[in-house]
Amino acid sequence: DSCQIFSIITKKYKAFIKEIVDINLLPYIIKFLDIDNKKVKMACLKIVGNIACEDNANQVQKLIDLNVLEKLKYALFHENIGIRRESAFILSNIAAGTQKQIEILIEQNFLQILFKVFKNDSVKVQKEAIYAIGNLTSVENEKYMKKLIDDGILIFIYDSLRSDDCTFISISLEILGNVLAY
């Protein structure tokens, strides 16, 4: 119940996020992502998502430093669609962060993980995954852009452009623009 309350408070009262970070509750919230209870896991993901949405690179980095990415790798393939969608949403927001944060995601092979999610999940989860993939291509480092290309981003663009979904096509064109800019 307390996780649920924190998720609501962090959504409505953004200043409370700083309090959670300052009193060192984040390690516990992230640890609770290992609990095999859908309600607890979802509430904790929503807290993490609310933090990842904030325009505070230090708080997002704190999530990364506390190993949230490892937890998200598993949550992306959870049986519950809401948990998968929230996990992809969080990754999309982390990928919209600093260059260092984008590079960490690329180094940890999240592109390949997101490809699997996009290929195999429902449209709601696919949309969050394609946003995350698009944000990864905003990397401003030739080494990492080359890794994205080597890992198949061009094939992904080709496949997603063949979709009937205008959101997928639009984001795919943005991704192509980012790749061509390098």
Protein backbone atom coordinates (compact mmCIF):
# COMPACT_ATOMS: atom_id res chain seq x y z
CA ASP A 1 0.00 0.00 0.00
CA SER A 2 2.83 2.39 0.77
CA CYS A 3 4.32 1.82 -2.69
CA GLN A 4 0.94 2.62 -4.23
CA ILE A 5 0.71 5.80 -2.16
CA PHE A 6 4.23 6.83 -3.18
CA SER A 7 3.40 6.23 -6.84
CA ILE A 8 0.37 8.53 -6.60
CA ILE A 9 2.24 11.19 -4.65
CA THR A 10 5.21 11.21 -7.05
CA LYS A 11 2.84 11.63 -9.96
CA LYS A 12 0.86 14.51 -8.46
CA TYR A 13 3.54 16.20 -6.34
CA LYS A 14 6.81 16.28 -8.24
CA ALA A 15 8.65 17.92 -5.32
CA PHE A 16 8.13 14.69 -3.36
CA ILE A 17 10.46 12.89 -5.75
CA LYS A 18 13.39 14.85 -4.36
CA GLU A 19 12.35 13.82 -0.85
CA ILE A 20 12.33 10.14 -1.83
CA VAL A 21 15.82 10.51 -3.27
CA ASP A 22 17.10 12.59 -0.34
CA ILE A 23 15.94 10.17 2.36
CA ASN A 24 17.40 7.26 0.40
CA LEU A 25 14.19 5.35 -0.36
CA LEU A 26 15.15 4.59 -3.96
CA PRO A 27 17.26 1.51 -3.14
CA TYR A 28 14.23 -0.05 -1.42
CA ILE A 29 11.86 0.86 -4.22
CA ILE A 30 14.18 -0.67 -6.80
CA LYS A 31 14.70 -3.75 -4.62
CA PHE A 32 10.90 -4.18 -4.49
CA LEU A 33 10.96 -4.65 -8.28
CA ASP A 34 12.20 -8.18 -7.52
CA ILE A 35 9.07 -9.01 -5.54
CA ASP A 36 6.78 -11.42 -7.37
CA ASN A 37 3.66 -9.39 -6.73
CA LYS A 38 2.15 -7.56 -9.71
CA LYS A 39 0.64 -4.73 -7.65
CA VAL A 40 3.88 -4.00 -5.78
CA LYS A 41 5.95 -4.29 -8.96
CA MET A 42 3.63 -1.96 -10.87
CA ALA A 43 3.52 0.61 -8.07
CA CYS A 44 7.32 0.63 -7.87
CA LEU A 45 7.63 0.89 -11.65
CA LYS A 46 5.28 3.87 -11.58
CA ILE A 47 7.49 5.56 -8.96
CA VAL A 48 10.56 4.87 -11.10
CA GLY A 49 8.65 6.09 -14.17
CA ASN A 50 7.67 9.31 -12.43
CA ILE A 51 11.32 9.90 -11.56
CA ALA A 52 12.48 9.04 -15.09
CA CYS A 53 9.97 11.55 -16.51
CA GLU A 54 11.47 14.38 -14.54
CA ASP A 55 13.97 16.68 -16.17
CA ASN A 56 16.56 15.87 -13.52
CA ALA A 57 19.53 13.99 -14.97
CA ASN A 58 20.98 13.38 -11.49
CA GLN A 59 17.86 11.56 -10.30
CA VAL A 60 17.74 9.44 -13.46
CA GLN A 61 21.42 8.66 -13.06
CA LYS A 62 20.74 7.60 -9.48
CA LEU A 63 18.21 5.07 -10.83
CA ILE A 64 20.83 3.75 -13.24
CA ASP A 65 23.47 3.62 -10.51
CA LEU A 66 21.06 1.59 -8.36
CA ASN A 67 20.84 -1.03 -11.15
CA VAL A 68 17.31 -0.29 -12.32
CA LEU A 69 18.28 -1.22 -15.89
CA GLU A 70 18.89 -4.84 -14.87
CA LYS A 71 15.42 -4.96 -13.31
CA LEU A 72 13.86 -3.45 -16.43
CA LYS A 73 15.45 -6.11 -18.66
CA TYR A 74 13.31 -8.70 -16.89
CA ALA A 75 10.23 -6.54 -16.46
CA LEU A 76 10.07 -5.99 -20.24
CA PHE A 77 9.18 -9.68 -20.60
CA HIS A 78 6.84 -10.01 -17.61
CA GLU A 79 3.52 -11.78 -18.19
CA ASN A 80 1.58 -8.62 -17.31
CA ILE A 81 1.17 -6.18 -20.21
CA GLY A 82 0.97 -3.17 -17.87
CA ILE A 83 4.34 -4.03 -16.34
CA ARG A 84 5.87 -4.49 -19.81
CA ARG A 85 4.43 -1.20 -21.02
CA GLU A 86 5.57 0.76 -17.96
CA SER A 87 9.06 -0.74 -18.29
CA ALA A 88 9.32 0.31 -21.93
CA PHE A 89 8.00 3.76 -20.99
CA ILE A 90 10.72 4.13 -18.35
CA LEU A 91 13.40 3.10 -20.85
CA SER A 92 12.08 5.62 -23.34
CA ASN A 93 12.48 8.36 -20.75
CA ILE A 94 15.95 7.22 -19.71
CA ALA A 95 16.93 7.15 -23.40
CA ALA A 96 15.73 10.76 -23.63
CA GLY A 97 18.27 11.69 -20.98
CA THR A 98 21.90 12.67 -21.14
CA GLN A 99 24.38 11.38 -23.68
CA LYS A 100 26.00 9.31 -20.92
CA GLN A 101 22.65 7.68 -20.12
CA ILE A 102 21.98 6.91 -23.78
CA GLU A 103 25.46 5.41 -24.10
CA ILE A 104 24.87 3.18 -21.05
CA LEU A 105 21.69 1.82 -22.66
CA ILE A 106 23.54 1.15 -25.91
CA GLU A 107 26.46 -0.51 -24.09
CA GLN A 108 24.01 -2.76 -22.23
CA ASN A 109 22.47 -3.85 -25.56
CA PHE A 110 19.03 -2.41 -24.92
CA LEU A 111 18.59 -1.91 -28.66
CA GLN A 112 18.43 -5.68 -29.17
CA ILE A 113 16.09 -6.07 -26.20
CA LEU A 114 13.80 -3.34 -27.53
CA PHE A 115 13.83 -4.97 -30.98
CA LYS A 116 12.49 -8.18 -29.36
CA VAL A 117 9.82 -6.24 -27.50
CA PHE A 118 8.79 -4.40 -30.65
CA LYS A 119 8.65 -7.60 -32.68
CA ASN A 120 6.72 -9.71 -30.17
CA ASP A 121 4.53 -7.55 -27.96
CA SER A 122 1.18 -5.80 -28.20
CA VAL A 123 0.83 -2.45 -29.97
CA LYS A 124 0.69 -0.51 -26.67
CA VAL A 125 4.06 -1.90 -25.60
CA GLN A 126 5.48 -1.63 -29.13
CA LYS A 127 4.74 2.11 -29.15
CA GLU A 128 6.76 2.65 -25.97
CA ALA A 129 9.56 0.47 -27.36
CA ILE A 130 9.78 2.41 -30.62
CA TYR A 131 9.94 5.69 -28.70
CA ALA A 132 12.84 4.25 -26.69
CA ILE A 133 14.58 3.08 -29.88
CA GLY A 134 14.10 6.52 -31.40
CA ASN A 135 15.57 8.20 -28.34
CA LEU A 136 18.61 5.92 -28.49
CA THR A 137 19.37 7.27 -31.97
CA SER A 138 19.76 10.77 -30.56
CA VAL A 139 23.22 9.69 -29.40
CA GLU A 140 25.84 12.22 -30.41
CA ASN A 141 28.77 9.85 -30.54
CA GLU A 142 30.02 8.27 -33.73
CA LYS A 143 31.16 5.10 -31.92
CA TYR A 144 27.70 4.49 -30.47
CA MET A 145 25.87 5.39 -33.68
CA LYS A 146 28.07 2.86 -35.48
CA LYS A 147 27.11 0.27 -32.84
CA LEU A 148 23.42 1.00 -33.45
CA ILE A 149 23.96 0.52 -37.17
CA ASP A 150 25.96 -2.66 -36.61
CA ASP A 151 23.21 -3.92 -34.30
CA GLY A 152 20.59 -3.60 -37.04
CA ILE A 153 18.90 -0.23 -36.67
CA LEU A 154 18.63 0.12 -40.47
CA ILE A 155 16.86 -3.23 -40.78
CA PHE A 156 14.53 -2.18 -37.97
CA ILE A 157 13.74 1.08 -39.78
CA TYR A 158 13.00 -0.80 -42.99
CA ASP A 159 10.70 -3.25 -41.20
CA SER A 160 8.87 -0.63 -39.15
CA LEU A 161 8.31 1.61 -42.20
CA ARG A 162 6.27 -1.24 -43.67
CA SER A 163 3.79 -0.96 -40.79
CA ASP A 164 0.21 0.22 -41.18
CA ASP A 165 0.55 2.25 -37.99
CA CYS A 166 1.25 5.92 -38.71
CA THR A 167 2.99 6.36 -35.31
CA PHE A 168 5.48 3.63 -36.20
CA ILE A 169 6.08 5.18 -39.62
CA SER A 170 6.52 8.67 -38.20
CA ILE A 171 8.99 7.60 -35.51
CA SER A 172 10.83 5.38 -37.98
CA LEU A 173 11.35 8.40 -40.23
CA GLU A 174 12.70 10.35 -37.25
CA ILE A 175 15.04 7.46 -36.46
CA LEU A 176 16.20 7.40 -40.08
CA GLY A 177 16.83 11.14 -39.91
CA ASN A 178 18.95 10.71 -36.77
CA VAL A 179 20.98 7.92 -38.37
CA LEU A 180 21.48 9.86 -41.62
CA ALA A 181 22.58 12.93 -39.67
CA TYR A 182 25.63 10.95 -38.65
